[in-house]
Structure formats: C-alpha cells, structure tokens
PDB file of N, CA and C in Angstrom:
ATOM      1  N   MET A   1     -37.408  89.508 -30.880  1.00  0.00           N
ATOM      2  CA  MET A   1     -36.714  90.598 -30.196  1.00  0.00           C
ATOM      3  C   MET A   1     -36.386  90.150 -28.774  1.00  0.00           C
ATOM      4  N   SER A   2     -35.197  90.441 -28.352  1.00  0.00           N
ATOM      5  CA  SER A   2     -34.730  90.047 -27.027  1.00  0.00           C
ATOM      6  C   SER A   2     -35.299  90.980 -25.957  1.00  0.00           C
ATOM      7  N   GLN A   3     -35.235  90.524 -24.716  1.00  0.00           N
ATOM      8  CA  GLN A   3     -35.740  91.316 -23.594  1.00  0.00           C
ATOM      9  C   GLN A   3     -34.592  91.944 -22.812  1.00  0.00           C
ATOM     10  N   ILE A   4     -34.844  93.115 -22.239  1.00  0.00           N
ATOM     11  CA  ILE A   4     -33.877  93.770 -21.358  1.00  0.00           C
ATOM     12  C   ILE A   4     -33.833  92.987 -20.060  1.00  0.00           C
ATOM     13  N   ILE A   5     -32.609  92.605 -19.643  1.00  0.00           N
ATOM     14  CA  ILE A   5     -32.498  91.890 -18.375  1.00  0.00           C
ATOM     15  C   ILE A   5     -31.879  92.725 -17.263  1.00  0.00           C
ATOM     16  N   ARG A   6     -31.052  93.727 -17.635  1.00  0.00           N
ATOM     17  CA  ARG A   6     -30.489  94.592 -16.585  1.00  0.00           C
ATOM     18  C   ARG A   6     -29.858  95.837 -17.182  1.00  0.00           C
ATOM     19  N   ARG A   7     -29.770  96.852 -16.356  1.00  0.00           N
ATOM     20  CA  ARG A   7     -29.058  98.085 -16.719  1.00  0.00           C
ATOM     21  C   ARG A   7     -27.570  97.834 -16.521  1.00  0.00           C
ATOM     22  N   ILE A   8     -26.771  98.385 -17.389  1.00  0.00           N
ATOM     23  CA  ILE A   8     -25.317  98.343 -17.260  1.00  0.00           C
ATOM     24  C   ILE A   8     -24.895  99.715 -16.755  1.00  0.00           C
ATOM     25  N   GLY A   9     -24.346  99.750 -15.555  1.00  0.00           N
ATOM     26  CA  GLY A   9     -23.960 101.027 -14.958  1.00  0.00           C
ATOM     27  C   GLY A   9     -25.030 101.536 -14.019  1.00  0.00           C
ATOM     28  N   VAL A  10     -24.980 102.818 -13.772  1.00  0.00           N
ATOM     29  CA  VAL A  10     -25.903 103.437 -12.825  1.00  0.00           C
ATOM     30  C   VAL A  10     -27.031 104.143 -13.572  1.00  0.00           C
ATOM     31  N   PRO A  11     -28.182 104.324 -12.914  1.00  0.00           N
ATOM     32  CA  PRO A  11     -29.287 105.024 -13.582  1.00  0.00           C
ATOM     33  C   PRO A  11     -28.926 106.477 -13.891  1.00  0.00           C
ATOM     34  N   PRO A  12     -29.579 107.058 -14.882  1.00  0.00           N
ATOM     35  CA  PRO A  12     -29.308 108.454 -15.235  1.00  0.00           C
ATOM     36  C   PRO A  12     -29.420 109.411 -14.042  1.00  0.00           C
ATOM     37  N   SER A  13     -30.353 109.154 -13.138  1.00  0.00           N
ATOM     38  CA  SER A  13     -30.505 110.045 -11.972  1.00  0.00           C
ATOM     39  C   SER A  13     -29.238 110.068 -11.115  1.00  0.00           C
ATOM     40  N   ALA A  14     -28.489 108.965 -11.082  1.00  0.00           N
ATOM     41  CA  ALA A  14     -27.244 108.902 -10.315  1.00  0.00           C
ATOM     42  C   ALA A  14     -26.096 109.590 -11.043  1.00  0.00           C
ATOM     43  N   ARG A  15     -26.315 109.943 -12.310  1.00  0.00           N
ATOM     44  CA  ARG A  15     -25.319 110.670 -13.085  1.00  0.00           C
ATOM     45  C   ARG A  15     -25.700 112.137 -13.233  1.00  0.00           C
ATOM     46  N   GLY A  16     -26.702 112.580 -12.473  1.00  0.00           N
ATOM     47  CA  GLY A  16     -27.056 113.990 -12.462  1.00  0.00           C
ATOM     48  C   GLY A  16     -28.211 114.388 -13.351  1.00  0.00           C
ATOM     49  N   SER A  17     -28.914 113.452 -13.950  1.00  0.00           N
ATOM     50  CA  SER A  17     -30.046 113.784 -14.816  1.00  0.00           C
ATOM     51  C   SER A  17     -31.326 113.811 -13.988  1.00  0.00           C
ATOM     52  N   ALA A  18     -31.632 114.963 -13.437  1.00  0.00           N
ATOM     53  CA  ALA A  18     -32.802 115.095 -12.572  1.00  0.00           C
ATOM     54  C   ALA A  18     -34.100 115.174 -13.358  1.00  0.00           C
ATOM     55  N   GLY A  19     -34.060 115.829 -14.521  1.00  0.00           N
ATOM     56  CA  GLY A  19     -35.287 116.042 -15.273  1.00  0.00           C
ATOM     57  C   GLY A  19     -35.554 115.020 -16.363  1.00  0.00           C
ATOM     58  N   GLY A  20     -34.619 114.110 -16.579  1.00  0.00           N
ATOM     59  CA  GLY A  20     -34.819 113.099 -17.600  1.00  0.00           C
ATOM     60  C   GLY A  20     -34.569 113.596 -19.011  1.00  0.00           C
ATOM     61  N   GLY A  21     -34.070 114.808 -19.177  1.00  0.00           N
ATOM     62  CA  GLY A  21     -33.845 115.340 -20.508  1.00  0.00           C
ATOM     63  C   GLY A  21     -32.562 114.850 -21.160  1.00  0.00           C
ATOM     64  N   ASN A  22     -31.650 114.340 -20.369  1.00  0.00           N
ATOM     65  CA  ASN A  22     -30.377 113.846 -20.898  1.00  0.00           C
ATOM     66  C   ASN A  22     -30.119 112.496 -20.258  1.00  0.00           C
ATOM     67  N   CYS A  23     -30.664 111.459 -20.853  1.00  0.00           N
ATOM     68  CA  CYS A  23     -30.666 110.156 -20.192  1.00  0.00           C
ATOM     69  C   CYS A  23     -30.058 109.043 -21.024  1.00  0.00           C
ATOM     70  N   PRO A  24     -28.787 109.165 -21.454  1.00  0.00           N
ATOM     71  CA  PRO A  24     -28.204 108.023 -22.122  1.00  0.00           C
ATOM     72  C   PRO A  24     -28.171 106.840 -21.163  1.00  0.00           C
ATOM     73  N   ASP A  25     -28.285 105.644 -21.694  1.00  0.00           N
ATOM     74  CA  ASP A  25     -28.357 104.456 -20.852  1.00  0.00           C
ATOM     75  C   ASP A  25     -27.890 103.249 -21.645  1.00  0.00           C
ATOM     76  N   ILE A  26     -27.442 102.216 -20.938  1.00  0.00           N
ATOM     77  CA  ILE A  26     -26.987 100.973 -21.558  1.00  0.00           C
ATOM     78  C   ILE A  26     -27.680  99.815 -20.846  1.00  0.00           C
ATOM     79  N   PHE A  27     -28.176  98.853 -21.641  1.00  0.00           N
ATOM     80  CA  PHE A  27     -28.876  97.700 -21.088  1.00  0.00           C
ATOM     81  C   PHE A  27     -28.336  96.414 -21.685  1.00  0.00           C
ATOM     82  N   GLU A  28     -28.244  95.366 -20.863  1.00  0.00           N
ATOM     83  CA  GLU A  28     -27.896  94.045 -21.366  1.00  0.00           C
ATOM     84  C   GLU A  28     -29.187  93.333 -21.731  1.00  0.00           C
ATOM     85  N   LEU A  29     -29.164  92.647 -22.863  1.00  0.00           N
ATOM     86  CA  LEU A  29     -30.337  91.924 -23.341  1.00  0.00           C
ATOM     87  C   LEU A  29     -30.188  90.434 -23.045  1.00  0.00           C
ATOM     88  N   ALA A  30     -31.297  89.734 -23.017  1.00  0.00           N
ATOM     89  CA  ALA A  30     -31.312  88.310 -22.705  1.00  0.00           C
ATOM     90  C   ALA A  30     -30.471  87.490 -23.678  1.00  0.00           C
ATOM     91  N   ASP A  31     -30.312  87.957 -24.907  1.00  0.00           N
ATOM     92  CA  ASP A  31     -29.522  87.213 -25.890  1.00  0.00           C
ATOM     93  C   ASP A  31     -28.031  87.535 -25.820  1.00  0.00           C
ATOM     94  N   GLY A  32     -27.621  88.365 -24.824  1.00  0.00           N
ATOM     95  CA  GLY A  32     -26.216  88.707 -24.646  1.00  0.00           C
ATOM     96  C   GLY A  32     -25.796  89.985 -25.345  1.00  0.00           C
ATOM     97  N   ASN A  33     -26.657  90.548 -26.181  1.00  0.00           N
ATOM     98  CA  ASN A  33     -26.365  91.820 -26.837  1.00  0.00           C
ATOM     99  C   ASN A  33     -26.651  92.977 -25.892  1.00  0.00           C
ATOM    100  N   PHE A  34     -26.326  94.187 -26.338  1.00  0.00           N
ATOM    101  CA  PHE A  34     -26.555  95.383 -25.531  1.00  0.00           C
ATOM    102  C   PHE A  34     -27.405  96.374 -26.316  1.00  0.00           C
ATOM    103  N   ALA A  35     -28.260  97.086 -25.613  1.00  0.00           N
ATOM    104  CA  ALA A  35     -29.069  98.155 -26.197  1.00  0.00           C
ATOM    105  C   ALA A  35     -28.592  99.472 -25.583  1.00  0.00           C
ATOM    106  N   VAL A  36     -28.530 100.508 -26.417  1.00  0.00           N
ATOM    107  CA  VAL A  36     -28.034 101.805 -25.970  1.00  0.00           C
ATOM    108  C   VAL A  36     -29.070 102.876 -26.273  1.00  0.00           C
ATOM    109  N   ILE A  37     -29.341 103.710 -25.281  1.00  0.00           N
ATOM    110  CA  ILE A  37     -30.148 104.913 -25.490  1.00  0.00           C
ATOM    111  C   ILE A  37     -29.152 106.063 -25.569  1.00  0.00           C
ATOM    112  N   GLY A  38     -29.174 106.763 -26.666  1.00  0.00           N
ATOM    113  CA  GLY A  38     -28.258 107.882 -26.845  1.00  0.00           C
ATOM    114  C   GLY A  38     -28.822 108.847 -27.865  1.00  0.00           C
ATOM    115  N   THR A  39     -28.024 109.811 -28.221  1.00  0.00           N
ATOM    116  CA  THR A  39     -28.424 110.820 -29.189  1.00  0.00           C
ATOM    117  C   THR A  39     -28.023 110.369 -30.588  1.00  0.00           C
ATOM    118  N   ASP A  40     -28.979 110.335 -31.503  1.00  0.00           N
ATOM    119  CA  ASP A  40     -28.702 109.938 -32.876  1.00  0.00           C
ATOM    120  C   ASP A  40     -27.857 111.024 -33.546  1.00  0.00           C
ATOM    121  N   GLN A  41     -26.636 110.660 -33.887  1.00  0.00           N
ATOM    122  CA  GLN A  41     -25.714 111.589 -34.543  1.00  0.00           C
ATOM    123  C   GLN A  41     -25.266 111.051 -35.902  1.00  0.00           C
ATOM    124  N   THR A  42     -26.081 110.176 -36.482  1.00  0.00           N
ATOM    125  CA  THR A  42     -25.724 109.538 -37.749  1.00  0.00           C
ATOM    126  C   THR A  42     -25.408 110.556 -38.830  1.00  0.00           C
ATOM    127  N   ASP A  43     -26.267 111.522 -39.020  1.00  0.00           N
ATOM    128  CA  ASP A  43     -26.060 112.506 -40.093  1.00  0.00           C
ATOM    129  C   ASP A  43     -24.751 113.269 -39.907  1.00  0.00           C
ATOM    130  N   LYS A  44     -24.402 113.542 -38.666  1.00  0.00           N
ATOM    131  CA  LYS A  44     -23.222 114.333 -38.363  1.00  0.00           C
ATOM    132  C   LYS A  44     -21.924 113.521 -38.452  1.00  0.00           C
ATOM    133  N   LEU A  45     -21.970 112.238 -38.072  1.00  0.00           N
ATOM    134  CA  LEU A  45     -20.746 111.450 -37.956  1.00  0.00           C
ATOM    135  C   LEU A  45     -20.527 110.423 -39.059  1.00  0.00           C
ATOM    136  N   ASP A  46     -21.534 110.133 -39.851  1.00  0.00           N
ATOM    137  CA  ASP A  46     -21.442 109.088 -40.865  1.00  0.00           C
ATOM    138  C   ASP A  46     -20.259 109.300 -41.812  1.00  0.00           C
ATOM    139  N   GLY A  47     -20.048 110.511 -42.254  1.00  0.00           N
ATOM    140  CA  GLY A  47     -18.956 110.815 -43.172  1.00  0.00           C
ATOM    141  C   GLY A  47     -17.577 110.793 -42.530  1.00  0.00           C
ATOM    142  N   GLN A  48     -17.538 110.683 -41.196  1.00  0.00           N
ATOM    143  CA  GLN A  48     -16.266 110.672 -40.487  1.00  0.00           C
ATOM    144  C   GLN A  48     -15.811 109.267 -40.101  1.00  0.00           C
ATOM    145  N   LEU A  49     -16.618 108.259 -40.435  1.00  0.00           N
ATOM    146  CA  LEU A  49     -16.220 106.890 -40.100  1.00  0.00           C
ATOM    147  C   LEU A  49     -14.911 106.553 -40.809  1.00  0.00           C
ATOM    148  N   PRO A  50     -14.025 105.802 -40.137  1.00  0.00           N
ATOM    149  CA  PRO A  50     -12.776 105.401 -40.795  1.00  0.00           C
ATOM    150  C   PRO A  50     -13.058 104.459 -41.966  1.00  0.00           C
ATOM    151  N   PRO A  51     -12.113 104.328 -42.881  1.00  0.00           N
ATOM    152  CA  PRO A  51     -12.327 103.522 -44.082  1.00  0.00           C
ATOM    153  C   PRO A  51     -12.717 102.072 -43.805  1.00  0.00           C
ATOM    154  N   ASP A  52     -12.293 101.520 -42.668  1.00  0.00           N
ATOM    155  CA  ASP A  52     -12.608 100.124 -42.376  1.00  0.00           C
ATOM    156  C   ASP A  52     -13.878  99.968 -41.540  1.00  0.00           C
ATOM    157  N   ALA A  53     -14.665 101.036 -41.416  1.00  0.00           N
ATOM    158  CA  ALA A  53     -15.930 100.991 -40.677  1.00  0.00           C
ATOM    159  C   ALA A  53     -17.079 101.320 -41.623  1.00  0.00           C
ATOM    160  N   SER A  54     -18.211 100.709 -41.364  1.00  0.00           N
ATOM    161  CA  SER A  54     -19.403 101.010 -42.154  1.00  0.00           C
ATOM    162  C   SER A  54     -20.630 100.708 -41.322  1.00  0.00           C
ATOM    163  N   ARG A  55     -21.769 101.120 -41.799  1.00  0.00           N
ATOM    164  CA  ARG A  55     -23.027 100.822 -41.123  1.00  0.00           C
ATOM    165  C   ARG A  55     -24.064 100.481 -42.169  1.00  0.00           C
ATOM    166  N   ALA A  56     -24.981  99.620 -41.797  1.00  0.00           N
ATOM    167  CA  ALA A  56     -26.083  99.267 -42.690  1.00  0.00           C
ATOM    168  C   ALA A  56     -27.122 100.383 -42.653  1.00  0.00           C
ATOM    169  N   SER A  57     -27.992 100.416 -43.627  1.00  0.00           N
ATOM    170  CA  SER A  57     -29.012 101.470 -43.694  1.00  0.00           C
ATOM    171  C   SER A  57     -29.945 101.459 -42.485  1.00  0.00           C
ATOM    172  N   TYR A  58     -30.078 100.319 -41.828  1.00  0.00           N
ATOM    173  CA  TYR A  58     -30.953 100.220 -40.649  1.00  0.00           C
ATOM    174  C   TYR A  58     -30.198 100.517 -39.348  1.00  0.00           C
ATOM    175  N   GLU A  59     -28.895 100.782 -39.413  1.00  0.00           N
ATOM    176  CA  GLU A  59     -28.106 101.090 -38.230  1.00  0.00           C
ATOM    177  C   GLU A  59     -27.943 102.600 -38.077  1.00  0.00           C
ATOM    178  N   ARG A  60     -27.818 103.036 -36.830  1.00  0.00           N
ATOM    179  CA  ARG A  60     -27.644 104.450 -36.522  1.00  0.00           C
ATOM    180  C   ARG A  60     -26.382 104.611 -35.688  1.00  0.00           C
ATOM    181  N   ILE A  61     -25.735 105.747 -35.778  1.00  0.00           N
ATOM    182  CA  ILE A  61     -24.605 106.095 -34.921  1.00  0.00           C
ATOM    183  C   ILE A  61     -25.194 106.847 -33.731  1.00  0.00           C
ATOM    184  N   VAL A  62     -25.058 106.257 -32.564  1.00  0.00           N
ATOM    185  CA  VAL A  62     -25.648 106.818 -31.346  1.00  0.00           C
ATOM    186  C   VAL A  62     -24.529 107.236 -30.403  1.00  0.00           C
ATOM    187  N   VAL A  63     -24.635 108.427 -29.859  1.00  0.00           N
ATOM    188  CA  VAL A  63     -23.632 108.964 -28.944  1.00  0.00           C
ATOM    189  C   VAL A  63     -24.175 108.910 -27.520  1.00  0.00           C
ATOM    190  N   ILE A  64     -23.320 108.402 -26.617  1.00  0.00           N
ATOM    191  CA  ILE A  64     -23.628 108.452 -25.187  1.00  0.00           C
ATOM    192  C   ILE A  64     -22.525 109.273 -24.521  1.00  0.00           C
ATOM    193  N   THR A  65     -22.787 109.751 -23.335  1.00  0.00           N
ATOM    194  CA  THR A  65     -21.785 110.553 -22.638  1.00  0.00           C
ATOM    195  C   THR A  65     -20.636 109.674 -22.152  1.00  0.00           C
ATOM    196  N   ARG A  66     -19.496 110.272 -22.020  1.00  0.00           N
ATOM    197  CA  ARG A  66     -18.331 109.572 -21.470  1.00  0.00           C
ATOM    198  C   ARG A  66     -18.654 109.030 -20.085  1.00  0.00           C
ATOM    199  N   ASP A  67     -19.321 109.831 -19.273  1.00  0.00           N
ATOM    200  CA  ASP A  67     -19.673 109.434 -17.912  1.00  0.00           C
ATOM    201  C   ASP A  67     -20.550 108.174 -17.909  1.00  0.00           C
ATOM    202  N   THR A  68     -21.471 108.076 -18.852  1.00  0.00           N
ATOM    203  CA  THR A  68     -22.335 106.901 -18.939  1.00  0.00           C
ATOM    204  C   THR A  68     -21.506 105.636 -19.143  1.00  0.00           C
ATOM    205  N   LEU A  69     -20.576 105.676 -20.067  1.00  0.00           N
ATOM    206  CA  LEU A  69     -19.766 104.496 -20.352  1.00  0.00           C
ATOM    207  C   LEU A  69     -18.801 104.181 -19.219  1.00  0.00           C
ATOM    208  N   ILE A  70     -18.172 105.193 -18.662  1.00  0.00           N
ATOM    209  CA  ILE A  70     -17.232 104.968 -17.558  1.00  0.00           C
ATOM    210  C   ILE A  70     -17.949 104.348 -16.359  1.00  0.00           C
ATOM    211  N   LYS A  71     -19.129 104.837 -16.047  1.00  0.00           N
ATOM    212  CA  LYS A  71     -19.860 104.287 -14.903  1.00  0.00           C
ATOM    213  C   LYS A  71     -20.443 102.906 -15.197  1.00  0.00           C
ATOM    214  N   ALA A  72     -20.491 102.509 -16.460  1.00  0.00           N
ATOM    215  CA  ALA A  72     -20.957 101.173 -16.828  1.00  0.00           C
ATOM    216  C   ALA A  72     -19.820 100.164 -16.901  1.00  0.00           C
ATOM    217  N   LYS A  73     -18.596 100.640 -16.939  1.00  0.00           N
ATOM    218  CA  LYS A  73     -17.435  99.778 -17.165  1.00  0.00           C
ATOM    219  C   LYS A  73     -17.392  98.579 -16.216  1.00  0.00           C
ATOM    220  N   GLY A  74     -17.670  98.776 -14.963  1.00  0.00           N
ATOM    221  CA  GLY A  74     -17.617  97.695 -13.980  1.00  0.00           C
ATOM    222  C   GLY A  74     -18.674  96.615 -14.199  1.00  0.00           C
ATOM    223  N   ASP A  75     -19.738  96.945 -14.898  1.00  0.00           N
ATOM    224  CA  ASP A  75     -20.826  95.988 -15.155  1.00  0.00           C
ATOM    225  C   ASP A  75     -20.686  95.264 -16.482  1.00  0.00           C
ATOM    226  N   ILE A  76     -19.732  95.663 -17.304  1.00  0.00           N
ATOM    227  CA  ILE A  76     -19.572  95.039 -18.618  1.00  0.00           C
ATOM    228  C   ILE A  76     -18.748  93.765 -18.456  1.00  0.00           C
ATOM    229  N   PRO A  77     -19.315  92.630 -18.860  1.00  0.00           N
ATOM    230  CA  PRO A  77     -18.583  91.371 -18.693  1.00  0.00           C
ATOM    231  C   PRO A  77     -17.331  91.322 -19.569  1.00  0.00           C
ATOM    232  N   ASP A  78     -16.321  90.590 -19.108  1.00  0.00           N
ATOM    233  CA  ASP A  78     -15.090  90.436 -19.882  1.00  0.00           C
ATOM    234  C   ASP A  78     -15.308  89.565 -21.114  1.00  0.00           C
ATOM    235  N   LEU A  79     -16.169  88.593 -21.015  1.00  0.00           N
ATOM    236  CA  LEU A  79     -16.450  87.697 -22.136  1.00  0.00           C
ATOM    237  C   LEU A  79     -17.914  87.623 -22.407  1.00  0.00           C
TER     238      LEU A  79
END
C-alpha cells in the first residue's frame, strides 16, 4: 500500500467545514495515484453509469463536492 505524501487542494477547514462532518479530501500517494475521501454513493449511482463505464466489485463510486475539486485543481499535476 502506498503512502500519502500530500493533500491536493486546501484542507476542509478552509472550505468551511468547521465541525469535520463534511470533509471530502484528495491526497496524492507516493506511487503517483490519488486517494479520495468522499461520500459512498455506489448504490445510488451504479445503475446510472454510461455503457462504456464499469467498476469492479471492490471499487466504490465516491462523491466529493464541486468546491473540493475546484480548489484542488491548481495542485493536480498536468502529467
């Protein structure tokens, strides 16, 4: 398992999450992959995937807020 090396974007507290109850987050891992903390919406969205999309049984559909991704955009590498 890879290690978290940095947060992508700003911390949840900088996005208005004072109590920690709504804390989506994105992290870059040492192996170059990304880890996402979000709300598991697999049951709700699985049937809505387009025909050319699929997920393995061990994968989940995770939703993060628009604000989380927009504030992370500047930290996401181009390559």
